[in-house]
């Protein structure tokens, strides 16, 4: 979910607010070559003070009716044809047959197009509103941020929730817990400066960093159990943390009801993370069948992020480094093989892009769904990986991830049936987030509704 700005005030003030954000340079697990977005602060403070009386109140949820809709039930795979979807106060009021209620709000005739739940991206690096807007307008209504500098994702999460910025609902991780945190971490936590020389190693140091990250109000703790794949000089198989260090993370985070996500390409680090009780493994490129079996036993989710490795293996996009292209070409088939084995064994798989939705990004969640079908999942299973299964991982399955009365009105509209052609999810025509039209592309009968522009 996410509250989308509409109206002249949001359009007038938004550009100034976007320039006023702190530097959101990403602390990332695979993406050193991603574009960084630097920002300045001129004019923003004065404008916000002058307009705060208008701008401080979140925009009210919009009542909306979608008619002539083919509604996809991602729990059963059934499609309700010629349906009317009534949205009130940001939630789905009803889905069924019959004429649109006379006083239920603006009506959009979908003309037989297909409606699915809004997509959930389980691994992003979003630290600015510009990035968040790109994600939202691609159909992502909820996202799990897996690392930014200066807790930019935590601040952005709160702005979006309050209605003061546009984007998906964010679950924020802040900094990665890893042996060598970036300088920005120590600038935010100078009290941790005595760890700079030796790094965050050992149970005590790990516990101290996790405690500081938790105190910033993160929704998930992110750690690197193995080295990263997106740096030419690193070995992604190399284990970085032992099981006892990872267990300290899960104990501290678990005491506050916060899950732990572990970046892990290599099997040794991945297995240690699963044994320590992490909720998800990110990537998992070289996981052995024994580790996948332990994941099934413990209910650990796998977030394979296959599509981003196609970017690593090809020039352009977020990556364009010769040694990484070589690595990507041998890593991609191995990751596909591991993900296919995990699916056959019954590991719960969740879709994700592992991108920052920056200006150079060439990967969207629809590409990952196509990769999931390529490893043997049905189109329904792939769509579930970006909806109900992702919602379970996020801990929000009681309010989003499917289309049903009482659920948040997070949905996307596509031209054809995604259960027959999953590729259609790359071409989202309408995005509704919290009952508000966040983006609308293509030709529509009658007047365009609330959408201000396209992405």
Protein backbone atom coordinates (compact mmCIF):
# COMPACT_ATOMS: atom_id res chain seq x y z
CA UNK A 1 0.00 0.00 0.00
CA UNK A 2 1.02 3.64 -0.19
CA UNK A 3 -0.74 7.00 -0.27
CA UNK A 4 -0.47 8.71 -3.64
CA UNK A 5 -0.43 12.48 -3.89
CA UNK A 6 -2.93 14.13 -6.21
CA UNK A 7 -3.88 17.75 -6.58
CA UNK A 8 -2.18 21.04 -7.20
CA UNK A 9 -0.51 21.38 -3.80
CA UNK A 10 1.25 18.03 -4.06
CA UNK A 11 2.35 18.76 -7.62
CA UNK A 12 3.62 22.24 -6.70
CA UNK A 13 5.47 21.39 -3.50
CA UNK A 14 6.61 17.85 -4.29
CA UNK A 15 9.66 18.80 -6.42
CA UNK A 16 10.98 21.07 -3.66
CA UNK A 17 10.51 18.39 -1.03
CA UNK A 18 12.27 15.85 -3.21
CA UNK A 19 15.27 18.17 -3.45
CA UNK A 20 15.20 18.61 0.32
CA UNK A 21 15.85 15.00 1.26
CA UNK A 22 19.07 13.91 2.88
CA UNK A 23 21.62 12.03 0.80
CA UNK A 24 20.02 8.57 0.32
CA UNK A 25 23.17 6.88 -0.98
CA UNK A 26 22.28 3.25 -0.84
CA UNK A 27 23.99 0.69 1.35
CA UNK A 28 23.42 -2.29 -0.91
CA UNK A 29 24.09 -5.98 -1.11
CA UNK A 30 24.66 -6.42 -4.84
CA UNK A 31 24.66 -3.00 -6.48
CA UNK A 32 27.78 -0.83 -6.15
CA UNK A 33 27.30 0.63 -9.64
CA UNK A 34 23.74 1.77 -9.13
CA UNK A 35 23.15 5.46 -9.67
CA UNK A 36 23.28 7.51 -6.49
CA UNK A 37 20.90 10.34 -5.96
CA UNK A 38 22.32 13.40 -4.22
CA UNK A 39 20.04 16.13 -3.00
CA UNK A 40 20.14 19.68 -1.69
CA UNK A 41 17.98 21.66 0.71
CA UNK A 42 17.36 25.13 -0.77
CA UNK A 43 13.87 26.63 -0.57
CA UNK A 44 12.31 23.54 0.99
CA UNK A 45 12.29 24.68 4.61
CA UNK A 46 10.64 28.00 3.81
CA UNK A 47 8.05 26.44 1.53
CA UNK A 48 7.16 23.78 4.06
CA UNK A 49 6.74 26.39 6.80
CA UNK A 50 4.54 28.57 4.61
CA UNK A 51 2.36 25.72 3.39
CA UNK A 52 2.39 23.45 6.42
CA UNK A 53 -1.18 24.31 7.33
CA UNK A 54 -2.33 22.82 4.02
CA UNK A 55 0.36 20.20 3.51
CA UNK A 56 0.44 18.52 6.90
CA UNK A 57 -2.86 16.71 6.60
CA UNK A 58 -2.74 13.41 4.70
CA UNK A 59 -4.95 13.27 1.62
CA UNK A 60 -8.21 11.50 2.31
CA UNK A 61 -8.77 8.08 0.80
CA UNK A 62 -10.74 8.18 -2.42
CA UNK A 63 -14.01 6.34 -3.01
CA UNK A 64 -13.86 4.56 -6.36
CA UNK A 65 -15.79 2.02 -8.42
CA UNK A 66 -14.27 -0.26 -11.04
CA UNK A 67 -16.78 -1.81 -13.44
CA UNK A 68 -16.56 -4.46 -16.15
CA UNK A 69 -13.55 -5.98 -14.39
CA UNK A 70 -12.07 -9.47 -14.54
CA UNK A 71 -10.90 -9.94 -10.95
CA UNK A 72 -8.14 -12.48 -10.29
CA UNK A 73 -8.36 -14.40 -7.01
CA UNK A 74 -4.72 -15.22 -6.26
CA UNK A 75 -5.68 -17.68 -3.52
CA UNK A 76 -7.63 -20.01 -5.84
CA UNK A 77 -6.68 -18.99 -9.36
CA UNK A 78 -10.27 -18.25 -10.27
CA UNK A 79 -11.40 -15.17 -12.20
CA UNK A 80 -14.65 -13.30 -11.50
CA UNK A 81 -15.85 -11.89 -14.81
CA UNK A 82 -17.83 -8.69 -15.38
CA UNK A 83 -17.29 -7.76 -11.73
CA UNK A 84 -17.87 -4.48 -9.95
CA UNK A 85 -15.23 -3.51 -7.38
CA UNK A 86 -16.40 -0.92 -4.86
CA UNK A 87 -13.72 0.94 -2.90
CA UNK A 88 -14.50 3.16 0.10
CA UNK A 89 -12.21 4.83 2.62
CA UNK A 90 -9.15 3.16 1.13
CA UNK A 91 -10.50 -0.38 1.46
CA UNK A 92 -12.33 -2.82 -0.76
CA UNK A 93 -15.98 -2.69 0.18
CA UNK A 94 -17.27 -5.37 -2.18
CA UNK A 95 -16.50 -7.43 -5.28
CA UNK A 96 -19.43 -8.83 -7.18
CA UNK A 97 -21.95 -8.55 -9.97
CA UNK A 98 -24.58 -5.90 -10.53
CA UNK A 99 -24.64 -2.20 -11.37
CA UNK A 100 -22.34 0.28 -9.68
CA UNK A 101 -23.88 1.95 -6.61
CA UNK A 102 -25.15 5.39 -7.53
CA UNK A 103 -23.33 7.25 -4.76
CA UNK A 104 -20.16 5.16 -4.46
CA UNK A 105 -17.71 7.59 -6.09
CA UNK A 106 -16.07 8.00 -9.50
CA UNK A 107 -16.57 5.07 -11.87
CA UNK A 108 -13.84 3.61 -14.08
CA UNK A 109 -14.99 1.20 -16.77
CA UNK A 110 -12.17 -1.34 -17.17
CA UNK A 111 -13.61 -2.72 -20.37
CA UNK A 112 -12.83 -6.32 -19.46
CA UNK A 113 -9.29 -5.73 -18.28
CA UNK A 114 -7.86 -7.88 -15.49
CA UNK A 115 -7.40 -6.82 -11.86
CA UNK A 116 -4.82 -8.35 -9.54
CA UNK A 117 -3.65 -7.36 -6.06
CA UNK A 118 -0.99 -4.69 -5.90
CA UNK A 119 2.46 -6.24 -6.08
CA UNK A 120 4.81 -6.69 -3.13
CA UNK A 121 8.54 -6.35 -3.84
CA UNK A 122 10.49 -8.17 -1.15
CA UNK A 123 13.93 -6.72 -1.81
CA UNK A 124 14.49 -3.10 -2.85
CA UNK A 125 16.96 -0.33 -2.04
CA UNK A 126 14.74 2.73 -1.99
CA UNK A 127 15.93 5.86 -0.20
CA UNK A 128 14.20 8.69 -2.03
CA UNK A 129 10.69 9.65 -3.07
CA UNK A 130 11.71 9.62 -6.72
CA UNK A 131 12.69 5.96 -6.41
CA UNK A 132 9.53 5.18 -4.44
CA UNK A 133 7.33 6.76 -7.09
CA UNK A 134 8.93 4.65 -9.82
CA UNK A 135 8.25 1.52 -7.82
CA UNK A 136 4.64 2.49 -7.14
CA UNK A 137 3.92 3.34 -10.74
CA UNK A 138 5.25 -0.02 -11.88
CA UNK A 139 2.59 -1.72 -9.75
CA UNK A 140 4.43 -2.18 -6.45
CA UNK A 141 2.17 -1.09 -3.60
CA UNK A 142 4.23 -2.58 -0.74
CA UNK A 143 8.00 -3.04 -0.62
CA UNK A 144 10.62 -4.31 1.81
CA UNK A 145 13.66 -2.03 1.77
CA UNK A 146 16.84 -4.01 2.32
CA UNK A 147 19.25 -1.22 3.08
CA UNK A 148 19.92 2.51 2.76
CA UNK A 149 22.38 4.93 4.30
CA UNK A 150 21.36 7.36 7.04
CA UNK A 151 18.11 5.39 7.65
CA UNK A 152 16.63 7.09 4.59
CA UNK A 153 14.16 4.24 4.15
CA UNK A 154 12.91 4.65 7.73
CA UNK A 155 12.24 8.34 7.22
CA UNK A 156 10.67 7.79 3.82
CA UNK A 157 8.47 5.04 5.28
CA UNK A 158 7.12 7.46 7.87
CA UNK A 159 6.52 10.22 5.32
CA UNK A 160 4.57 7.84 3.09
CA UNK A 161 2.51 6.50 5.98
CA UNK A 162 1.62 10.04 7.04
CA UNK A 163 0.60 10.97 3.51
CA UNK A 164 3.43 13.45 2.97
CA UNK A 165 5.22 11.52 0.22
CA UNK A 166 4.20 9.25 -2.62
CA UNK A 167 5.26 5.63 -2.82
CA UNK A 168 4.54 2.06 -1.77
CA UNK A 169 4.18 1.18 1.86
CA UNK A 170 7.76 0.51 2.98
CA UNK A 171 9.16 -1.95 5.47
CA UNK A 172 12.56 -0.49 6.32
CA UNK A 173 15.84 -2.12 7.32
CA UNK A 174 18.17 0.86 7.64
CA UNK A 175 21.76 -0.38 7.63
CA UNK A 176 22.97 -3.89 6.85
CA UNK A 177 24.56 -5.62 9.79
CA UNK A 178 27.88 -6.65 8.26
CA UNK A 179 31.55 -6.80 9.25
CA UNK A 180 32.43 -3.58 7.45
CA UNK A 181 29.61 -1.03 7.75
CA UNK A 182 29.99 2.11 5.62
CA UNK A 183 31.35 5.33 7.04
CA UNK A 184 27.82 6.74 7.13
CA UNK A 185 26.89 4.21 9.84
CA UNK A 186 29.60 5.53 12.14
CA UNK A 187 28.58 9.10 11.35
CA UNK A 188 25.05 8.22 12.48
CA UNK A 189 26.41 6.24 15.46
CA UNK A 190 29.70 7.78 16.60
CA UNK A 191 29.28 5.89 19.87
CA UNK A 192 30.11 2.77 17.82
CA UNK A 193 33.39 4.30 16.62
CA UNK A 194 35.56 1.95 18.67
CA UNK A 195 34.45 -0.89 16.38
CA UNK A 196 35.78 0.76 13.20
CA UNK A 197 39.24 -0.79 13.31
CA UNK A 198 38.23 -4.42 13.84
CA UNK A 199 34.75 -4.21 12.33
CA UNK A 200 31.46 -5.72 13.45
CA UNK A 201 32.76 -9.17 14.30
CA UNK A 202 31.97 -11.35 17.26
CA UNK A 203 28.79 -11.72 19.27
CA UNK A 204 29.34 -8.53 21.27
CA UNK A 205 29.90 -6.24 18.30
CA UNK A 206 27.07 -7.82 16.36
CA UNK A 207 24.73 -7.38 19.30
CA UNK A 208 25.69 -3.73 19.66
CA UNK A 209 25.02 -2.92 16.01
CA UNK A 210 21.73 -4.80 15.94
CA UNK A 211 20.60 -2.97 19.07
CA UNK A 212 21.37 0.42 17.53
CA UNK A 213 19.58 -0.44 14.29
CA UNK A 214 16.53 -1.69 16.20
CA UNK A 215 16.40 1.51 18.22
CA UNK A 216 15.88 3.42 14.96
CA UNK A 217 12.56 1.63 14.46
CA UNK A 218 13.37 -0.71 11.60
CA UNK A 219 10.81 -3.29 10.46
CA UNK A 220 13.39 -5.93 9.55
CA UNK A 221 17.07 -6.48 10.35
CA UNK A 222 19.18 -7.14 7.26
CA UNK A 223 22.52 -8.94 7.49
CA UNK A 224 25.11 -10.27 5.09
CA UNK A 225 25.86 -13.91 5.89
CA UNK A 226 28.13 -14.08 2.84
CA UNK A 227 30.03 -11.63 0.66
CA UNK A 228 28.30 -9.62 -2.04
CA UNK A 229 28.09 -10.54 -5.73
CA UNK A 230 28.05 -7.05 -7.18
CA UNK A 231 31.63 -6.10 -6.38
CA UNK A 232 34.28 -7.43 -8.74
CA UNK A 233 36.79 -7.97 -5.93
CA UNK A 234 34.52 -10.01 -3.63
CA UNK A 235 33.75 -13.74 -3.51
CA UNK A 236 29.98 -14.15 -3.07
CA UNK A 237 30.42 -17.66 -1.66
CA UNK A 238 32.59 -16.46 1.24
CA UNK A 239 30.94 -16.78 4.65
CA UNK A 240 31.03 -13.60 6.74
CA UNK A 241 29.21 -14.59 9.95
CA UNK A 242 29.15 -17.77 12.00
CA UNK A 243 25.96 -19.31 13.31
CA UNK A 244 26.43 -17.95 16.85
CA UNK A 245 26.76 -14.38 15.53
CA UNK A 246 23.67 -14.80 13.35
CA UNK A 247 21.79 -16.33 16.25
CA UNK A 248 22.55 -13.27 18.37
CA UNK A 249 20.90 -11.16 15.67
CA UNK A 250 17.76 -13.29 15.57
CA UNK A 251 17.51 -13.35 19.37
CA UNK A 252 17.77 -9.58 19.76
CA UNK A 253 15.49 -8.82 16.84
CA UNK A 254 13.03 -11.54 17.79
CA UNK A 255 12.68 -10.11 21.29
CA UNK A 256 11.18 -7.02 19.62
CA UNK A 257 9.11 -8.93 17.11
CA UNK A 258 11.41 -7.98 14.23
CA UNK A 259 12.45 -10.62 11.66
CA UNK A 260 15.95 -11.03 10.21
CA UNK A 261 16.70 -11.31 6.49
CA UNK A 262 20.08 -12.74 5.51
CA UNK A 263 21.86 -12.00 2.26
CA UNK A 264 23.53 -15.31 1.37
CA UNK A 265 24.93 -16.60 -1.91
CA UNK A 266 27.21 -19.32 -0.58
CA UNK A 267 25.92 -22.48 1.07
CA UNK A 268 27.92 -22.36 4.31
CA UNK A 269 26.75 -18.87 5.22
CA UNK A 270 23.24 -19.61 4.05
CA UNK A 271 22.98 -22.76 6.13
CA UNK A 272 24.29 -20.98 9.22
CA UNK A 273 21.67 -18.28 8.75
CA UNK A 274 18.84 -20.77 8.37
CA UNK A 275 20.00 -22.69 11.45
CA UNK A 276 20.16 -19.40 13.39
CA UNK A 277 16.50 -18.70 12.64
CA UNK A 278 16.43 -15.99 9.98
CA UNK A 279 13.06 -15.46 8.30
CA UNK A 280 14.35 -15.22 4.75
CA UNK A 281 17.39 -15.91 2.64
CA UNK A 282 18.08 -13.29 0.00
CA UNK A 283 19.55 -14.61 -3.30
CA UNK A 284 20.67 -18.12 -2.30
CA UNK A 285 22.64 -18.68 -5.49
CA UNK A 286 24.73 -21.65 -4.36
CA UNK A 287 22.53 -23.23 -1.70
CA UNK A 288 22.82 -27.01 -1.47
CA UNK A 289 19.76 -29.31 -1.39
CA UNK A 290 20.49 -30.03 2.28
CA UNK A 291 20.19 -26.34 3.12
CA UNK A 292 17.01 -26.05 1.05
CA UNK A 293 15.62 -29.01 2.99
CA UNK A 294 16.37 -27.22 6.25
CA UNK A 295 14.53 -24.18 4.89
CA UNK A 296 11.46 -26.33 4.22
CA UNK A 297 11.66 -27.75 7.73
CA UNK A 298 11.97 -24.32 9.36
CA UNK A 299 9.63 -22.42 7.08
CA UNK A 300 12.38 -20.09 5.85
CA UNK A 301 11.50 -18.05 2.76
CA UNK A 302 13.75 -17.77 -0.30
CA UNK A 303 13.93 -14.46 -2.17
CA UNK A 304 16.02 -15.49 -5.22
CA UNK A 305 16.14 -12.15 -7.12
CA UNK A 306 16.87 -13.89 -10.43
CA UNK A 307 16.04 -11.07 -12.83
CA UNK A 308 18.63 -8.68 -11.40
CA UNK A 309 21.36 -11.18 -12.27
CA UNK A 310 20.34 -10.88 -15.92
CA UNK A 311 21.30 -7.23 -15.49
CA UNK A 312 24.65 -8.23 -13.99
CA UNK A 313 25.29 -10.52 -16.97
CA UNK A 314 24.57 -7.88 -19.61
CA UNK A 315 26.06 -4.44 -20.33
CA UNK A 316 24.13 -1.38 -19.18
CA UNK A 317 21.50 -1.02 -16.48
CA UNK A 318 22.54 -0.89 -12.84
CA UNK A 319 25.76 -2.73 -13.74
CA UNK A 320 28.25 -2.26 -16.54
CA UNK A 321 31.49 -3.77 -15.25
CA UNK A 322 33.33 -6.40 -17.28
CA UNK A 323 34.30 -8.74 -14.37
CA UNK A 324 30.70 -8.67 -13.12
CA UNK A 325 29.39 -9.51 -16.58
CA UNK A 326 31.64 -12.59 -16.54
CA UNK A 327 30.40 -13.50 -13.07
CA UNK A 328 26.78 -12.93 -13.98
CA UNK A 329 26.98 -15.26 -16.95
CA UNK A 330 27.96 -18.24 -14.81
CA UNK A 331 25.92 -17.21 -11.76
CA UNK A 332 22.62 -16.80 -13.61
CA UNK A 333 22.14 -20.45 -14.68
CA UNK A 334 23.25 -21.64 -11.23
CA UNK A 335 20.77 -19.37 -9.47
CA UNK A 336 17.98 -20.53 -11.77
CA UNK A 337 18.90 -24.13 -11.00
CA UNK A 338 18.91 -23.49 -7.24
CA UNK A 339 15.56 -21.68 -7.36
CA UNK A 340 14.03 -24.48 -9.45
CA UNK A 341 15.25 -27.08 -6.95
CA UNK A 342 13.91 -25.01 -4.06
CA UNK A 343 10.50 -24.81 -5.73
CA UNK A 344 10.37 -28.57 -6.34
CA UNK A 345 11.32 -29.21 -2.70
CA UNK A 346 8.59 -26.91 -1.37
CA UNK A 347 10.59 -23.87 -0.23
CA UNK A 348 8.39 -20.77 -0.04
CA UNK A 349 9.58 -18.43 -2.80
CA UNK A 350 9.00 -14.68 -2.81
CA UNK A 351 9.44 -12.29 -5.74
CA UNK A 352 11.79 -9.31 -5.61
CA UNK A 353 13.80 -7.03 -7.87
CA UNK A 354 16.82 -6.13 -5.71
CA UNK A 355 16.93 -2.75 -7.41
CA UNK A 356 16.74 0.84 -6.26
CA UNK A 357 14.30 1.85 -9.01
CA UNK A 358 16.87 4.40 -10.07
CA UNK A 359 17.07 6.16 -13.43
CA UNK A 360 19.36 3.44 -14.85
CA UNK A 361 17.37 0.48 -13.53
CA UNK A 362 16.14 -1.96 -16.19
CA UNK A 363 14.49 -4.49 -13.86
CA UNK A 364 10.90 -4.44 -12.62
CA UNK A 365 8.95 -7.02 -10.65
CA UNK A 366 7.20 -8.25 -13.79
CA UNK A 367 10.58 -9.45 -15.05
CA UNK A 368 11.09 -11.49 -11.89
CA UNK A 369 7.66 -13.10 -12.27
CA UNK A 370 8.65 -14.20 -15.76
CA UNK A 371 11.86 -15.70 -14.35
CA UNK A 372 9.85 -17.58 -11.72
CA UNK A 373 7.70 -19.12 -14.44
CA UNK A 374 10.92 -20.01 -16.22
CA UNK A 375 12.12 -22.12 -13.26
CA UNK A 376 8.92 -24.19 -13.27
CA UNK A 377 6.38 -22.20 -11.27
CA UNK A 378 2.93 -21.78 -12.76
CA UNK A 379 1.80 -18.24 -13.56
CA UNK A 380 -0.48 -18.44 -10.51
CA UNK A 381 2.40 -19.50 -8.26
CA UNK A 382 4.56 -16.69 -9.63
CA UNK A 383 1.79 -14.17 -9.00
CA UNK A 384 1.34 -15.56 -5.49
CA UNK A 385 5.08 -15.03 -4.89
CA UNK A 386 4.45 -11.30 -5.39
CA UNK A 387 1.16 -11.17 -3.47
CA UNK A 388 -0.09 -13.56 -0.80
CA UNK A 389 3.22 -15.36 -0.13
CA UNK A 390 5.09 -12.06 0.03
CA UNK A 391 2.40 -10.68 2.34
CA UNK A 392 2.98 -13.64 4.67
CA UNK A 393 6.72 -12.94 4.70
CA UNK A 394 6.08 -9.26 5.42
CA UNK A 395 3.58 -10.04 8.18
CA UNK A 396 0.78 -8.08 6.48
CA UNK A 397 -1.31 -10.91 5.04
CA UNK A 398 -4.31 -9.91 7.14
CA UNK A 399 -4.71 -6.63 5.26
CA UNK A 400 -3.09 -6.78 1.82
CA UNK A 401 -1.84 -9.23 -0.80
CA UNK A 402 -5.25 -10.31 -2.13
CA UNK A 403 -8.50 -8.80 -3.31
CA UNK A 404 -11.29 -9.27 -0.81
CA UNK A 405 -13.82 -7.19 1.11
CA UNK A 406 -12.18 -5.41 4.03
CA UNK A 407 -8.68 -5.54 2.55
CA UNK A 408 -6.71 -2.45 1.65
CA UNK A 409 -7.53 -1.24 -1.86
CA UNK A 410 -4.13 -2.00 -3.36
CA UNK A 411 -4.52 -3.30 -6.90
CA UNK A 412 -3.23 -3.17 -10.45
CA UNK A 413 -4.97 -3.49 -13.81
CA UNK A 414 -3.44 -5.26 -16.80
CA UNK A 415 -4.69 -5.87 -20.32
CA UNK A 416 -4.84 -9.67 -20.40
CA UNK A 417 -5.13 -12.61 -18.02
CA UNK A 418 -1.82 -13.00 -16.16
CA UNK A 419 -2.71 -16.60 -15.34
CA UNK A 420 -2.34 -17.32 -19.04
CA UNK A 421 0.46 -14.87 -19.83
CA UNK A 422 2.55 -13.75 -16.86
CA UNK A 423 4.45 -11.36 -19.13
CA UNK A 424 1.50 -8.98 -19.06
CA UNK A 425 2.53 -7.99 -15.52
CA UNK A 426 5.36 -5.99 -17.09
CA UNK A 427 2.79 -3.64 -18.62
CA UNK A 428 0.66 -2.29 -15.78
CA UNK A 429 -2.10 0.06 -16.98
CA UNK A 430 -3.59 1.26 -13.70
CA UNK A 431 -2.27 1.33 -10.15
CA UNK A 432 -4.58 1.90 -7.18
CA UNK A 433 -2.92 2.31 -3.79
CA UNK A 434 -5.01 2.74 -0.65
CA UNK A 435 -7.97 3.41 -2.90
CA UNK A 436 -6.25 6.25 -4.78
CA UNK A 437 -5.29 6.11 -8.44
CA UNK A 438 -1.51 6.41 -8.38
CA UNK A 439 -0.84 5.88 -12.08
CA UNK A 440 -2.82 5.33 -15.26
CA UNK A 441 -1.36 4.51 -18.65
CA UNK A 442 -2.98 3.89 -22.01
CA UNK A 443 -6.25 4.97 -23.58
CA UNK A 444 -9.44 4.90 -21.49
CA UNK A 445 -13.05 5.71 -22.36
CA UNK A 446 -14.35 8.97 -20.93
CA UNK A 447 -12.31 11.23 -18.70
CA UNK A 448 -9.13 10.15 -17.03
CA UNK A 449 -9.64 9.74 -13.27
CA UNK A 450 -7.22 10.96 -10.61
CA UNK A 451 -3.86 10.00 -12.12
CA UNK A 452 -1.72 13.08 -12.79
CA UNK A 453 1.00 11.62 -14.98
CA UNK A 454 2.68 8.39 -16.01
CA UNK A 455 6.00 6.95 -14.98
